[in-house]
């Protein structure tokens, strides 16, 4: 599975996209 760092990076990016989309 993805490493903790990569998983955290994905979550941060996903959150940023949602904020931008909203």
PDB file of N, CA and C in Angstrom:
ATOM      1  N   UNK A   1       0.839  -1.200   0.000  1.00  0.00           N
ATOM      2  CA  UNK A   1       0.000   0.000   0.000  1.00  0.00           C
ATOM      3  C   UNK A   1       0.874   1.250   0.000  1.00  0.00           C
ATOM      4  N   UNK A   2       0.265   2.392  -0.259  1.00  0.00           N
ATOM      5  CA  UNK A   2       1.042   3.631  -0.305  1.00  0.00           C
ATOM      6  C   UNK A   2       1.641   3.944   1.050  1.00  0.00           C
ATOM      7  N   UNK A   3       2.775   4.614   1.017  1.00  0.00           N
ATOM      8  CA  UNK A   3       3.432   4.986   2.269  1.00  0.00           C
ATOM      9  C   UNK A   3       2.633   6.089   2.947  1.00  0.00           C
ATOM     10  N   UNK A   4       2.898   6.309   4.218  1.00  0.00           N
ATOM     11  CA  UNK A   4       2.177   7.329   4.973  1.00  0.00           C
ATOM     12  C   UNK A   4       2.363   8.704   4.344  1.00  0.00           C
ATOM     13  N   UNK A   5       3.586   8.994   3.922  1.00  0.00           N
ATOM     14  CA  UNK A   5       3.874  10.303   3.329  1.00  0.00           C
ATOM     15  C   UNK A   5       3.079  10.499   2.042  1.00  0.00           C
ATOM     16  N   UNK A   6       3.065   9.479   1.189  1.00  0.00           N
ATOM     17  CA  UNK A   6       2.341   9.593  -0.077  1.00  0.00           C
ATOM     18  C   UNK A   6       0.845   9.694   0.172  1.00  0.00           C
ATOM     19  N   UNK A   7       0.335   8.925   1.122  1.00  0.00           N
ATOM     20  CA  UNK A   7      -1.083   8.962   1.443  1.00  0.00           C
ATOM     21  C   UNK A   7      -1.462  10.341   1.956  1.00  0.00           C
ATOM     22  N   UNK A   8      -0.619  10.922   2.812  1.00  0.00           N
ATOM     23  CA  UNK A   8      -0.887  12.247   3.353  1.00  0.00           C
ATOM     24  C   UNK A   8      -0.881  13.273   2.229  1.00  0.00           C
ATOM     25  N   UNK A   9       0.067  13.135   1.308  1.00  0.00           N
ATOM     26  CA  UNK A   9       0.167  14.076   0.193  1.00  0.00           C
ATOM     27  C   UNK A   9      -1.096  14.013  -0.657  1.00  0.00           C
ATOM     28  N   UNK A  10      -1.608  12.816  -0.879  1.00  0.00           N
ATOM     29  CA  UNK A  10      -2.822  12.635  -1.675  1.00  0.00           C
ATOM     30  C   UNK A  10      -4.007  13.297  -0.985  1.00  0.00           C
ATOM     31  N   UNK A  11      -4.117  13.095   0.327  1.00  0.00           N
ATOM     32  CA  UNK A  11      -5.223  13.679   1.073  1.00  0.00           C
ATOM     33  C   UNK A  11      -5.168  15.200   1.003  1.00  0.00           C
ATOM     34  N   UNK A  12      -3.978  15.760   1.170  1.00  0.00           N
ATOM     35  CA  UNK A  12      -3.824  17.215   1.125  1.00  0.00           C
ATOM     36  C   UNK A  12      -4.197  17.733  -0.260  1.00  0.00           C
ATOM     37  N   UNK A  13      -3.738  17.039  -1.301  1.00  0.00           N
ATOM     38  CA  UNK A  13      -4.044  17.473  -2.669  1.00  0.00           C
ATOM     39  C   UNK A  13      -5.539  17.377  -2.930  1.00  0.00           C
ATOM     40  N   UNK A  14      -6.152  16.279  -2.513  1.00  0.00           N
ATOM     41  CA  UNK A  14      -7.574  16.076  -2.720  1.00  0.00           C
ATOM     42  C   UNK A  14      -8.368  17.164  -2.007  1.00  0.00           C
ATOM     43  N   UNK A  15      -7.962  17.507  -0.787  1.00  0.00           N
ATOM     44  CA  UNK A  15      -8.642  18.539  -0.018  1.00  0.00           C
ATOM     45  C   UNK A  15      -8.497  19.882  -0.720  1.00  0.00           C
ATOM     46  N   UNK A  16      -7.327  20.154  -1.255  1.00  0.00           N
ATOM     47  CA  UNK A  16      -7.082  21.414  -1.956  1.00  0.00           C
ATOM     48  C   UNK A  16      -7.968  21.508  -3.200  1.00  0.00           C
ATOM     49  N   UNK A  17      -8.105  20.397  -3.909  1.00  0.00           N
ATOM     50  CA  UNK A  17      -8.944  20.378  -5.112  1.00  0.00           C
ATOM     51  C   UNK A  17     -10.398  20.644  -4.724  1.00  0.00           C
ATOM     52  N   UNK A  18     -10.868  20.021  -3.661  1.00  0.00           N
ATOM     53  CA  UNK A  18     -12.247  20.209  -3.231  1.00  0.00           C
ATOM     54  C   UNK A  18     -12.490  21.667  -2.840  1.00  0.00           C
ATOM     55  N   UNK A  19     -11.537  22.265  -2.120  1.00  0.00           N
ATOM     56  CA  UNK A  19     -11.685  23.657  -1.716  1.00  0.00           C
ATOM     57  C   UNK A  19     -11.735  24.554  -2.948  1.00  0.00           C
ATOM     58  N   UNK A  20     -10.873  24.263  -3.923  1.00  0.00           N
ATOM     59  CA  UNK A  20     -10.822  25.081  -5.133  1.00  0.00           C
ATOM     60  C   UNK A  20     -12.108  24.916  -5.936  1.00  0.00           C
ATOM     61  N   UNK A  21     -12.615  23.684  -5.975  1.00  0.00           N
ATOM     62  CA  UNK A  21     -13.829  23.409  -6.731  1.00  0.00           C
ATOM     63  C   UNK A  21     -15.031  24.071  -6.061  1.00  0.00           C
ATOM     64  N   UNK A  22     -15.020  24.103  -4.739  1.00  0.00           N
ATOM     65  CA  UNK A  22     -16.119  24.691  -3.980  1.00  0.00           C
ATOM     66  C   UNK A  22     -16.004  26.213  -4.024  1.00  0.00           C
TER      67      UNK A  22
END
